[in-house]
Each structure stands twice: as structure tokens, then as C-alpha cells.
């Protein structure tokens, strides 16, 4: 009997020890080739900068005023965006932020454009909000006219020029592609705009009749300017069913050489062409501020840069 009792006690002790939980492992397996895609990679500077500002999402606690607002109701009572947050809310619903003025095929020049002698003045004053998301556009006399908001949707020549000058990026209603985009399936519909391709500024060979744009930075950065272009659609560009690309383009300095994206606004040149690169007018960074038209015969003449406001 004692023998069996001893065996029972021994069996009990062995069983108890085997049920003690082991310490958790502190090592984790590395992702396999199959699941390594779940580890995010940091985008390159160009990828991050060339992404549309529409990727900016609202993080405000403000209530979205456009929930359940129909497109018809929105545009029937339209006013331009009144704040950065308002512009973001609009973009989330694919509504515009800028002017509803008619789509023109050429820029409207202000009745007063400041000059120094015979040379146009380019406004070198850049008026941003503290967070850098709002940009004030002045007239030639230095009076505020409107505000452009990062992440908003814009399509007029004036608004898109100001947006590019301020933020050097694509408004919310633009996509980088210039072909193969189905307007019918885009939530932007007739307000969709295309193109963020490179413009080579060659002005030689088969492009000999295209004028040469400025090539060197004036602020000490190395490398010639790399230019990009985007469509500026006049009336008939997008009817909501298809896009018919016309000859209107905006061409602007985007990078120093092949590497560094331009962040210094004073190195950002913006040019409008209405005849597919045959001639240009420089946007002078104020409302209605466009320089004298130039082409391959009448060369580009550098303007004078100075602030229009104190």
C-alpha cells in the first residue's frame, strides 16, 4: 500500500511541474518575403512632393458643413472657401474652393501693374498664415484680394497660378497623369484636371521655336531648374464625359537639377502658355499680374523682384 501511495505522490508532483506556464518569448520572427509588404517604406522626396495636396485630411474637431449637401445646392449658393479647414472639407466632398469665374483661354491683366522704369515688378512678398496653409494674394497696389488654401480645388488661370506659386504642388482636383483617366468614374467630374509631367526646356532641335525659360537659381542653390507642366483647361476642356486637352499649360520651376525640390518661393517661376509652348507670360505673384508675352524671337527679359507690401 505504501508503495502505491509513494507512486501516486510522485505522479502528482511531476504533473504539477509540467503545468507551470513558461515565460513569454521576447523574440519575434522577421517578416517573410510574402508579408514584408506590410512594412511601410518612406516615400522619396519627389514622391512626397508630387502627390496631390488632396491627400491632406482634415483632423479638425469642426463639424463638416457639407455632409449630405448636394452638388446642385452647393453651387447654387456658392462662395469661395473661407478658411483652410473649409477648403479641406470641400475637397473631401469634391467641391471647389476657388472662383467660379468663366474659364478663359488667356489671363486677364490687371489695369495697374507696377513697373520699375519699363520693367515689370515681380512681387517678392510671400504672405502665408502661421501654419503655412493659407496664402494671401494681393493686387498691384499691395491690397489683399483673396486667399488660396492648401488642399483646395482650383481651376481658373488666376487661381492655379497663385496656388502653384504658393505651394508648388497640385491642387486637390488634379491628377499627375495626362492620359488614360476616365472622367466618368472620377468623383471630381467636370472639375478634374490633368498633368504633372516634366517639361525639358530644351529650346533647340525640333523645339528651336520654343523660348528658353530661366535656368539658374538666384538664391545660391546648385543645379539648373527642372520644370514641370500642368493643364489649364479652358471652356470645353472637360464636359464631364471626356477630357479634350487643349494648348493651355502652366509651366513652373519644380526642382534644382534632378534632386532637390524647390521650397524657396523666390526660386519658383510660373509661366502661362496659351499656344503650347510657343509663347509665354510670366505670373508675377499678384492678382492680374502677368508679364509681357515673349517667344523665341522676343526673348525672356528678367523682371525686377521686390515686395508690394511692407
Protein backbone atom coordinates (compact mmCIF):
# COMPACT_ATOMS: atom_id res chain seq x y z
CA UNK A 1 0.00 0.00 0.00
CA UNK A 2 2.81 2.40 0.89
CA UNK A 3 4.43 1.59 -2.43
CA UNK A 4 1.32 2.65 -4.38
CA UNK A 5 0.91 5.77 -2.25
CA UNK A 6 4.50 6.83 -2.99
CA UNK A 7 3.95 6.34 -6.69
CA UNK A 8 0.78 8.47 -6.57
CA UNK A 9 2.59 11.36 -4.79
CA UNK A 10 5.44 11.24 -7.31
CA UNK A 11 2.99 11.32 -10.24
CA UNK A 12 1.20 14.33 -8.72
CA UNK A 13 4.43 16.34 -8.29
CA UNK A 14 5.52 15.66 -11.87
CA UNK A 15 2.13 16.72 -13.24
CA UNK A 16 2.13 19.98 -11.26
CA UNK A 17 5.55 20.98 -12.52
CA UNK A 18 4.59 20.39 -16.14
CA UNK A 19 1.62 22.83 -15.84
CA UNK A 20 3.71 25.82 -14.74
CA UNK A 21 3.48 28.44 -17.57
CA UNK A 22 6.69 29.24 -19.31
CA UNK A 23 7.97 32.81 -19.68
CA UNK A 24 6.74 34.54 -22.87
CA UNK A 25 9.18 34.78 -25.74
CA UNK A 26 10.70 38.22 -26.37
CA UNK A 27 11.90 37.47 -29.89
CA UNK A 28 9.74 37.94 -32.99
CA UNK A 29 10.21 36.44 -36.41
CA UNK A 30 11.32 38.74 -39.21
CA UNK A 31 8.73 39.28 -41.92
CA UNK A 32 8.97 36.80 -44.74
CA UNK A 33 9.15 37.81 -48.39
CA UNK A 34 5.43 37.17 -48.59
CA UNK A 35 4.41 39.55 -45.78
CA UNK A 36 7.22 42.12 -45.97
CA UNK A 37 4.93 44.39 -47.99
CA UNK A 38 3.17 45.23 -44.75
CA UNK A 39 6.26 47.14 -43.61
CA UNK A 40 5.82 50.69 -44.99
CA UNK A 41 8.64 52.38 -46.83
CA UNK A 42 9.36 56.07 -46.54
CA UNK A 43 8.47 57.81 -49.83
CA UNK A 44 11.15 59.67 -51.72
CA UNK A 45 11.19 63.46 -51.59
CA UNK A 46 9.83 63.67 -55.14
CA UNK A 47 7.06 61.16 -54.48
CA UNK A 48 6.01 63.04 -51.37
CA UNK A 49 6.14 66.42 -53.07
CA UNK A 50 4.43 65.42 -56.30
CA UNK A 51 1.47 63.88 -54.53
CA UNK A 52 -1.68 65.93 -54.78
CA UNK A 53 -2.49 68.13 -51.84
CA UNK A 54 -5.84 66.35 -51.81
CA UNK A 55 -4.12 63.73 -49.67
CA UNK A 56 -4.23 66.22 -46.79
CA UNK A 57 -7.00 65.03 -44.49
CA UNK A 58 -9.00 67.06 -42.05
CA UNK A 59 -8.10 66.47 -38.40
CA UNK A 60 -10.14 69.35 -37.03
CA UNK A 61 -12.90 68.96 -34.48
CA UNK A 62 -15.01 71.39 -36.53
CA UNK A 63 -18.24 69.98 -37.90
CA UNK A 64 -18.25 69.26 -41.62
CA UNK A 65 -20.91 71.59 -43.09
CA UNK A 66 -21.09 69.75 -46.41
CA UNK A 67 -22.33 66.37 -45.23
CA UNK A 68 -25.42 65.46 -47.26
CA UNK A 69 -25.02 68.67 -49.34
CA UNK A 70 -25.81 68.01 -52.98
CA UNK A 71 -23.62 69.43 -55.75
CA UNK A 72 -26.58 71.40 -57.08
CA UNK A 73 -27.26 73.03 -53.71
CA UNK A 74 -23.57 73.73 -53.08
CA UNK A 75 -23.00 75.61 -56.32
CA UNK A 76 -26.37 77.37 -56.27
CA UNK A 77 -25.26 79.24 -53.13
CA UNK A 78 -21.55 79.34 -53.89
CA UNK A 79 -18.91 81.43 -52.18
CA UNK A 80 -15.16 80.70 -52.28
CA UNK A 81 -13.60 78.83 -49.38
CA UNK A 82 -13.28 80.93 -46.24
CA UNK A 83 -10.54 79.01 -44.40
CA UNK A 84 -8.03 76.20 -44.74
CA UNK A 85 -10.36 73.88 -42.86
CA UNK A 86 -13.26 74.87 -45.09
CA UNK A 87 -11.17 74.06 -48.18
CA UNK A 88 -10.33 70.62 -46.79
CA UNK A 89 -13.98 69.87 -46.06
CA UNK A 90 -14.89 70.89 -49.60
CA UNK A 91 -12.19 68.68 -51.13
CA UNK A 92 -13.43 65.71 -49.12
CA UNK A 93 -16.75 66.14 -50.93
CA UNK A 94 -15.13 67.03 -54.29
CA UNK A 95 -16.31 70.65 -54.19
CA UNK A 96 -14.29 73.61 -55.44
CA UNK A 97 -12.65 76.26 -53.25
CA UNK A 98 -11.76 78.94 -55.81
CA UNK A 99 -13.55 81.42 -58.03
CA UNK A 100 -16.43 80.43 -60.31
CA UNK A 101 -15.45 82.97 -62.94
CA UNK A 102 -15.66 81.85 -66.61
CA UNK A 103 -12.86 79.64 -67.89
CA UNK A 104 -10.75 81.82 -70.18
CA UNK A 105 -8.12 80.91 -72.76
CA UNK A 106 -5.72 83.67 -71.67
CA UNK A 107 -5.01 85.51 -68.41
CA UNK A 108 -6.62 88.85 -67.61
CA UNK A 109 -4.04 91.56 -66.93
CA UNK A 110 -4.71 93.99 -64.11
CA UNK A 111 -5.37 97.60 -65.08
CA UNK A 112 -2.46 98.58 -62.86
CA UNK A 113 0.77 96.60 -62.98
CA UNK A 114 3.74 98.13 -61.15
CA UNK A 115 6.94 98.72 -63.05
CA UNK A 116 10.41 99.99 -62.39
CA UNK A 117 11.06 102.07 -65.46
CA UNK A 118 9.98 99.84 -68.34
CA UNK A 119 10.45 96.59 -66.40
CA UNK A 120 7.62 94.74 -64.70
CA UNK A 121 7.90 94.13 -60.96
CA UNK A 122 7.51 90.61 -59.65
CA UNK A 123 6.09 90.59 -56.13
CA UNK A 124 8.73 89.06 -53.85
CA UNK A 125 6.49 89.28 -50.80
CA UNK A 126 5.04 85.90 -49.83
CA UNK A 127 2.23 86.18 -47.30
CA UNK A 128 1.46 82.89 -45.55
CA UNK A 129 -0.56 82.11 -42.44
CA UNK A 130 1.37 80.94 -39.38
CA UNK A 131 0.77 77.28 -40.28
CA UNK A 132 1.71 77.81 -43.94
CA UNK A 133 -1.62 76.51 -45.24
CA UNK A 134 -3.15 79.81 -46.36
CA UNK A 135 -1.69 82.26 -48.87
CA UNK A 136 -2.88 85.84 -49.39
CA UNK A 137 -2.97 87.17 -52.95
CA UNK A 138 -2.54 90.95 -53.31
CA UNK A 139 -3.19 93.30 -56.20
CA UNK A 140 -0.56 95.51 -57.83
CA UNK A 141 -1.08 98.19 -55.19
CA UNK A 142 -0.43 95.80 -52.32
CA UNK A 143 -4.06 95.40 -51.23
CA UNK A 144 -5.32 91.90 -50.30
CA UNK A 145 -7.72 90.41 -52.85
CA UNK A 146 -8.20 86.75 -51.97
CA UNK A 147 -6.75 83.79 -50.09
CA UNK A 148 -5.68 80.48 -51.61
CA UNK A 149 -5.75 77.40 -49.38
CA UNK A 150 -3.53 74.35 -49.49
CA UNK A 151 -5.56 71.24 -50.31
CA UNK A 152 -8.30 73.19 -52.08
CA UNK A 153 -9.64 72.61 -55.59
CA UNK A 154 -8.91 75.31 -58.19
CA UNK A 155 -9.29 75.52 -61.99
CA UNK A 156 -9.09 79.15 -63.23
CA UNK A 157 -5.83 80.52 -64.64
CA UNK A 158 -5.52 83.08 -61.85
CA UNK A 159 -6.24 80.63 -59.03
CA UNK A 160 -3.99 77.83 -60.28
CA UNK A 161 -1.11 80.24 -60.91
CA UNK A 162 -1.43 81.54 -57.36
CA UNK A 163 -1.67 78.00 -55.95
CA UNK A 164 1.47 76.87 -57.75
CA UNK A 165 3.37 79.99 -56.69
CA UNK A 166 2.32 79.48 -53.08
CA UNK A 167 2.64 75.73 -52.64
CA UNK A 168 4.47 74.36 -55.72
CA UNK A 169 2.10 71.43 -55.86
CA UNK A 170 -1.06 70.03 -57.45
CA UNK A 171 -4.46 71.32 -56.26
CA UNK A 172 -6.85 68.68 -54.93
CA UNK A 173 -8.72 68.24 -58.23
CA UNK A 174 -5.57 67.45 -60.26
CA UNK A 175 -4.05 64.07 -61.03
CA UNK A 176 -0.49 63.57 -62.23
CA UNK A 177 -1.44 61.50 -65.28
CA UNK A 178 -2.15 63.11 -68.64
CA UNK A 179 -3.63 60.07 -70.37
CA UNK A 180 -5.84 57.13 -69.51
CA UNK A 181 -8.03 58.89 -66.96
CA UNK A 182 -11.74 58.11 -67.00
CA UNK A 183 -13.65 61.29 -66.23
CA UNK A 184 -16.93 59.42 -65.82
CA UNK A 185 -15.58 57.48 -62.84
CA UNK A 186 -13.74 60.39 -61.22
CA UNK A 187 -15.57 61.96 -58.27
CA UNK A 188 -14.31 65.35 -59.49
CA UNK A 189 -16.29 65.02 -62.70
CA UNK A 190 -16.03 68.13 -64.90
CA UNK A 191 -13.64 69.77 -62.43
CA UNK A 192 -10.94 67.14 -62.91
CA UNK A 193 -7.65 68.42 -64.34
CA UNK A 194 -4.60 66.50 -65.58
CA UNK A 195 -0.84 66.55 -65.92
CA UNK A 196 2.25 66.82 -63.73
CA UNK A 197 4.84 65.77 -66.30
CA UNK A 198 8.35 67.05 -66.77
CA UNK A 199 8.99 69.93 -69.17
CA UNK A 200 12.52 69.81 -70.57
CA UNK A 201 13.03 73.48 -71.53
CA UNK A 202 15.19 72.42 -74.48
CA UNK A 203 14.62 75.25 -77.00
CA UNK A 204 16.77 73.51 -79.62
CA UNK A 205 16.43 70.99 -82.44
CA UNK A 206 12.76 70.29 -83.11
CA UNK A 207 11.95 72.64 -80.20
CA UNK A 208 14.03 75.52 -81.53
CA UNK A 209 10.99 77.78 -81.84
CA UNK A 210 10.16 77.42 -78.16
CA UNK A 211 11.54 80.20 -75.94
CA UNK A 212 14.08 79.35 -73.27
CA UNK A 213 12.90 79.77 -69.68
CA UNK A 214 15.19 80.83 -66.80
CA UNK A 215 17.65 78.10 -65.89
CA UNK A 216 19.74 79.19 -62.89
CA UNK A 217 18.75 79.72 -59.30
CA UNK A 218 19.23 83.19 -57.87
CA UNK A 219 19.42 82.06 -54.25
CA UNK A 220 22.63 80.05 -54.27
CA UNK A 221 21.21 76.56 -54.86
CA UNK A 222 23.14 74.40 -57.28
CA UNK A 223 21.75 72.87 -60.46
CA UNK A 224 19.60 74.22 -63.25
CA UNK A 225 15.88 74.41 -62.71
CA UNK A 226 13.83 71.37 -63.60
CA UNK A 227 10.40 72.41 -64.87
CA UNK A 228 7.05 70.68 -64.64
CA UNK A 229 3.82 71.39 -66.50
CA UNK A 230 0.10 71.02 -65.90
CA UNK A 231 -3.03 71.55 -67.92
CA UNK A 232 -5.08 74.72 -67.64
CA UNK A 233 -8.41 73.78 -69.15
CA UNK A 234 -10.42 76.47 -70.91
CA UNK A 235 -14.10 76.09 -71.74
CA UNK A 236 -14.64 72.71 -73.40
CA UNK A 237 -11.66 71.03 -71.72
CA UNK A 238 -13.80 68.74 -69.56
CA UNK A 239 -17.50 68.28 -70.20
CA UNK A 240 -17.93 65.64 -67.52
CA UNK A 241 -17.82 62.82 -70.08
CA UNK A 242 -14.33 63.19 -71.52
CA UNK A 243 -11.31 65.48 -71.44
CA UNK A 244 -10.17 67.20 -74.63
CA UNK A 245 -6.73 68.57 -73.89
CA UNK A 246 -6.14 71.98 -75.41
CA UNK A 247 -2.99 74.10 -75.82
CA UNK A 248 -3.14 75.83 -72.44
CA UNK A 249 -0.40 74.88 -69.97
CA UNK A 250 1.21 76.13 -66.81
CA UNK A 251 4.98 75.56 -66.69
CA UNK A 252 6.86 76.13 -63.45
CA UNK A 253 10.25 75.54 -61.83
CA UNK A 254 9.99 72.50 -59.58
CA UNK A 255 13.45 71.21 -58.64
CA UNK A 256 17.11 72.18 -58.52
CA UNK A 257 18.68 69.81 -61.02
CA UNK A 258 17.43 66.25 -60.61
CA UNK A 259 17.41 66.15 -56.83
CA UNK A 260 16.12 68.82 -54.50
CA UNK A 261 12.52 70.00 -54.72
CA UNK A 262 12.25 73.80 -54.62
CA UNK A 263 10.97 75.03 -51.27
CA UNK A 264 12.17 78.63 -51.59
CA UNK A 265 9.27 80.56 -53.15
CA UNK A 266 11.66 83.15 -54.57
CA UNK A 267 13.06 80.42 -56.84
CA UNK A 268 9.63 79.43 -58.11
CA UNK A 269 8.90 80.69 -61.61
CA UNK A 270 5.39 80.25 -63.02
CA UNK A 271 4.63 80.74 -66.73
CA UNK A 272 1.39 80.51 -68.68
CA UNK A 273 1.35 79.42 -72.33
CA UNK A 274 -1.80 79.51 -74.40
CA UNK A 275 -0.27 78.14 -77.61
CA UNK A 276 1.51 75.00 -76.44
CA UNK A 277 4.93 76.45 -75.55
CA UNK A 278 5.25 78.88 -78.48
CA UNK A 279 4.99 81.90 -76.21
CA UNK A 280 4.71 82.62 -72.50
CA UNK A 281 3.57 85.16 -69.95
CA UNK A 282 5.16 85.13 -66.51
CA UNK A 283 2.91 85.15 -63.44
CA UNK A 284 4.19 87.99 -61.24
CA UNK A 285 2.71 86.85 -57.93
CA UNK A 286 -0.19 89.25 -57.61
CA UNK A 287 -3.78 89.38 -58.82
CA UNK A 288 -3.87 90.03 -62.57
CA UNK A 289 -0.09 90.20 -62.58
CA UNK A 290 1.22 88.75 -65.83
CA UNK A 291 4.30 89.90 -67.67
CA UNK A 292 4.75 90.81 -71.29
CA UNK A 293 4.40 87.92 -73.73
CA UNK A 294 7.68 86.56 -75.09
CA UNK A 295 8.65 83.91 -77.63
CA UNK A 296 11.78 82.52 -79.33
CA UNK A 297 12.34 85.82 -81.15
CA UNK A 298 11.39 88.20 -78.38
CA UNK A 299 13.40 86.64 -75.56
CA UNK A 300 12.51 86.48 -71.89
CA UNK A 301 13.53 89.60 -70.02
CA UNK A 302 14.10 89.13 -66.27
CA UNK A 303 11.76 91.20 -64.14
CA UNK A 304 12.58 93.18 -61.01
CA UNK A 305 11.71 91.40 -57.77
CA UNK A 306 10.53 93.49 -54.84
CA UNK A 307 7.72 93.26 -52.30
CA UNK A 308 4.43 95.05 -52.97
CA UNK A 309 3.56 95.21 -49.25
CA UNK A 310 5.51 96.49 -46.25
